[in-house]
Amino acid sequence: MAKLQSLDPHTPMFAQFKEKTGPIVLANTFVVPKEMTESFLALFRRQAEFMKAQPGFVSLQMHKGTADSQLLMNVAIWESTEALATAFGSPEFQRMAAEFPDGIVSYPHIFEQIDA
């Protein structure tokens, strides 16, 4: 199973689920050993198809680090934290999440857009 780490130790993702806000961006950076990249992406694509069918889902993109990086980053937009929390907590998603092999580390965090 992948190891879940907090990008911001003061505000873990599960605490962010309590904030009733939206729309939101989930940015999830994964550290994936090179030999696991293809199997990771196959499982991620299954998870993405599930998430795309959930109420409140807006969009999703996966990005790969350059220069032989082991980092992959998922950026997903949701209508609200409630919608993301419901989808994330579903038994079907949790079963798929448990399929990620040991050796993968995930750093999820929820963001709101602000004016720059």
C-alpha atoms as a PDB file:
ATOM      1  CA  MET A   1       0.000   0.000   0.000  1.00  0.00           C
ATOM      2  CA  ALA A   2       1.247   3.509  -0.798  1.00  0.00           C
ATOM      3  CA  LYS A   3       2.354   5.637   2.117  1.00  0.00           C
ATOM      4  CA  LEU A   4       0.269   8.801   2.596  1.00  0.00           C
ATOM      5  CA  GLN A   5       2.233  11.833   3.816  1.00  0.00           C
ATOM      6  CA  SER A   6       1.117  15.385   4.565  1.00  0.00           C
ATOM      7  CA  LEU A   7       2.604  18.052   2.330  1.00  0.00           C
ATOM      8  CA  ASP A   8       1.805  20.542   5.115  1.00  0.00           C
ATOM      9  CA  PRO A   9       2.209  18.795   8.492  1.00  0.00           C
ATOM     10  CA  HIS A  10       0.065  21.498  10.129  1.00  0.00           C
ATOM     11  CA  THR A  11      -2.870  20.801   7.795  1.00  0.00           C
ATOM     12  CA  PRO A  12      -3.209  17.159   6.722  1.00  0.00           C
ATOM     13  CA  MET A  13      -5.634  16.353   3.921  1.00  0.00           C
ATOM     14  CA  PHE A  14      -8.117  14.637   6.243  1.00  0.00           C
ATOM     15  CA  ALA A  15      -8.348  17.843   8.311  1.00  0.00           C
ATOM     16  CA  GLN A  16      -8.931  19.743   5.065  1.00  0.00           C
ATOM     17  CA  PHE A  17     -11.977  17.574   4.336  1.00  0.00           C
ATOM     18  CA  LYS A  18     -13.695  19.323   7.279  1.00  0.00           C
ATOM     19  CA  GLU A  19     -13.444  22.706   5.516  1.00  0.00           C
ATOM     20  CA  LYS A  20     -16.680  23.208   3.579  1.00  0.00           C
ATOM     21  CA  THR A  21     -15.497  25.050   0.499  1.00  0.00           C
ATOM     22  CA  GLY A  22     -15.320  24.857  -3.246  1.00  0.00           C
ATOM     23  CA  PRO A  23     -14.406  24.725  -5.958  1.00  0.00           C
ATOM     24  CA  ILE A  24     -11.149  23.099  -4.897  1.00  0.00           C
ATOM     25  CA  VAL A  25      -7.998  21.700  -6.454  1.00  0.00           C
ATOM     26  CA  LEU A  26      -6.499  18.462  -5.203  1.00  0.00           C
ATOM     27  CA  ALA A  27      -2.779  18.382  -5.980  1.00  0.00           C
ATOM     28  CA  ASN A  28      -1.299  14.978  -5.208  1.00  0.00           C
ATOM     29  CA  THR A  29       2.421  14.454  -5.758  1.00  0.00           C
ATOM     30  CA  PHE A  30       3.580  10.845  -5.914  1.00  0.00           C
ATOM     31  CA  VAL A  31       7.120   9.535  -5.536  1.00  0.00           C
ATOM     32  CA  VAL A  32       7.167   6.450  -7.758  1.00  0.00           C
ATOM     33  CA  PRO A  33      10.273   4.286  -8.232  1.00  0.00           C
ATOM     34  CA  LYS A  34      11.066   3.986 -11.951  1.00  0.00           C
ATOM     35  CA  GLU A  35      10.394   0.248 -12.095  1.00  0.00           C
ATOM     36  CA  MET A  36       6.857   0.844 -10.748  1.00  0.00           C
ATOM     37  CA  THR A  37       5.850   3.709 -13.052  1.00  0.00           C
ATOM     38  CA  GLU A  38       3.889   1.703 -15.635  1.00  0.00           C
ATOM     39  CA  SER A  39       2.001  -0.411 -13.088  1.00  0.00           C
ATOM     40  CA  PHE A  40       1.309   2.714 -11.008  1.00  0.00           C
ATOM     41  CA  LEU A  41      -0.130   4.535 -14.028  1.00  0.00           C
ATOM     42  CA  ALA A  42      -2.330   1.563 -14.966  1.00  0.00           C
ATOM     43  CA  LEU A  43      -3.869   1.530 -11.492  1.00  0.00           C
ATOM     44  CA  PHE A  44      -4.105   5.316 -11.414  1.00  0.00           C
ATOM     45  CA  ARG A  45      -6.052   5.277 -14.687  1.00  0.00           C
ATOM     46  CA  ARG A  46      -8.578   2.852 -13.138  1.00  0.00           C
ATOM     47  CA  GLN A  47      -8.944   5.165 -10.146  1.00  0.00           C
ATOM     48  CA  ALA A  48      -9.309   8.181 -12.430  1.00  0.00           C
ATOM     49  CA  GLU A  49     -12.156   6.530 -14.349  1.00  0.00           C
ATOM     50  CA  PHE A  50     -13.941   5.874 -11.061  1.00  0.00           C
ATOM     51  CA  MET A  51     -13.419   9.454  -9.853  1.00  0.00           C
ATOM     52  CA  LYS A  52     -14.568  10.965 -13.167  1.00  0.00           C
ATOM     53  CA  ALA A  53     -17.953   9.286 -12.644  1.00  0.00           C
ATOM     54  CA  GLN A  54     -18.443  10.724  -9.142  1.00  0.00           C
ATOM     55  CA  PRO A  55     -20.750  13.674  -8.372  1.00  0.00           C
ATOM     56  CA  GLY A  56     -18.810  16.921  -8.071  1.00  0.00           C
ATOM     57  CA  PHE A  57     -15.849  15.852 -10.218  1.00  0.00           C
ATOM     58  CA  VAL A  58     -14.755  18.566 -12.691  1.00  0.00           C
ATOM     59  CA  SER A  59     -11.410  17.626 -14.269  1.00  0.00           C
ATOM     60  CA  LEU A  60      -8.122  15.791 -13.825  1.00  0.00           C
ATOM     61  CA  GLN A  61      -4.608  15.939 -15.257  1.00  0.00           C
ATOM     62  CA  MET A  62      -1.519  13.852 -14.517  1.00  0.00           C
ATOM     63  CA  HIS A  63       1.942  15.349 -14.888  1.00  0.00           C
ATOM     64  CA  LYS A  64       5.407  13.745 -14.895  1.00  0.00           C
ATOM     65  CA  GLY A  65       8.530  15.402 -13.537  1.00  0.00           C
ATOM     66  CA  THR A  66      11.186  16.226 -16.109  1.00  0.00           C
ATOM     67  CA  ALA A  67      14.847  15.217 -16.289  1.00  0.00           C
ATOM     68  CA  ASP A  68      14.375  11.600 -15.210  1.00  0.00           C
ATOM     69  CA  SER A  69      12.372  12.575 -12.119  1.00  0.00           C
ATOM     70  CA  GLN A  70      10.526   9.945 -10.088  1.00  0.00           C
ATOM     71  CA  LEU A  71       7.690  12.394  -9.377  1.00  0.00           C
ATOM     72  CA  LEU A  72       4.184  12.273 -10.820  1.00  0.00           C
ATOM     73  CA  MET A  73       1.563  14.870  -9.919  1.00  0.00           C
ATOM     74  CA  ASN A  74      -2.193  14.580 -10.232  1.00  0.00           C
ATOM     75  CA  VAL A  75      -4.148  17.851 -10.349  1.00  0.00           C
ATOM     76  CA  ALA A  76      -7.896  17.377  -9.978  1.00  0.00           C
ATOM     77  CA  ILE A  77     -10.635  19.980  -9.704  1.00  0.00           C
ATOM     78  CA  TRP A  78     -13.747  19.257  -7.650  1.00  0.00           C
ATOM     79  CA  GLU A  79     -16.877  21.288  -6.981  1.00  0.00           C
ATOM     80  CA  SER A  80     -16.369  21.001  -3.207  1.00  0.00           C
ATOM     81  CA  THR A  81     -14.432  19.345  -0.417  1.00  0.00           C
ATOM     82  CA  GLU A  82     -17.592  17.390   0.434  1.00  0.00           C
ATOM     83  CA  ALA A  83     -17.728  15.853  -3.053  1.00  0.00           C
ATOM     84  CA  LEU A  84     -14.039  14.878  -2.930  1.00  0.00           C
ATOM     85  CA  ALA A  85     -14.336  13.466   0.599  1.00  0.00           C
ATOM     86  CA  THR A  86     -17.358  11.366  -0.384  1.00  0.00           C
ATOM     87  CA  ALA A  87     -15.602   9.936  -3.448  1.00  0.00           C
ATOM     88  CA  PHE A  88     -12.341   9.365  -1.559  1.00  0.00           C
ATOM     89  CA  GLY A  89     -14.127   7.622   1.312  1.00  0.00           C
ATOM     90  CA  SER A  90     -16.126   5.256  -0.885  1.00  0.00           C
ATOM     91  CA  PRO A  91     -15.379   1.559  -0.349  1.00  0.00           C
ATOM     92  CA  GLU A  92     -14.636   1.050  -4.059  1.00  0.00           C
ATOM     93  CA  PHE A  93     -12.022   3.821  -4.133  1.00  0.00           C
ATOM     94  CA  GLN A  94     -10.474   2.614  -0.881  1.00  0.00           C
ATOM     95  CA  ARG A  95     -10.113  -0.909  -2.342  1.00  0.00           C
ATOM     96  CA  MET A  96      -8.301   0.511  -5.374  1.00  0.00           C
ATOM     97  CA  ALA A  97      -6.095   2.737  -3.210  1.00  0.00           C
ATOM     98  CA  ALA A  98      -5.035  -0.319  -1.185  1.00  0.00           C
ATOM     99  CA  GLU A  99      -3.740  -1.928  -4.409  1.00  0.00           C
ATOM    100  CA  PHE A 100      -0.866   0.548  -4.742  1.00  0.00           C
ATOM    101  CA  PRO A 101       2.334  -1.324  -3.895  1.00  0.00           C
ATOM    102  CA  ASP A 102       4.689  -0.478  -1.074  1.00  0.00           C
ATOM    103  CA  GLY A 103       7.429   1.912  -2.137  1.00  0.00           C
ATOM    104  CA  ILE A 104       5.114   4.652  -3.421  1.00  0.00           C
ATOM    105  CA  VAL A 105       4.654   7.811  -1.358  1.00  0.00           C
ATOM    106  CA  SER A 106       1.702  10.172  -1.871  1.00  0.00           C
ATOM    107  CA  TYR A 107       1.598  13.845  -0.803  1.00  0.00           C
ATOM    108  CA  PRO A 108      -2.003  15.075  -1.292  1.00  0.00           C
ATOM    109  CA  HIS A 109      -3.151  18.597  -0.470  1.00  0.00           C
ATOM    110  CA  ILE A 110      -6.307  20.595  -1.166  1.00  0.00           C
ATOM    111  CA  PHE A 111      -6.108  24.158  -2.484  1.00  0.00           C
ATOM    112  CA  GLU A 112      -8.494  27.008  -3.301  1.00  0.00           C
ATOM    113  CA  GLN A 113      -7.863  29.449  -6.126  1.00  0.00           C
ATOM    114  CA  ILE A 114      -6.991  32.990  -5.086  1.00  0.00           C
ATOM    115  CA  ASP A 115      -6.597  36.160  -7.111  1.00  0.00           C
ATOM    116  CA  ALA A 116      -2.983  36.884  -7.999  1.00  0.00           C
END
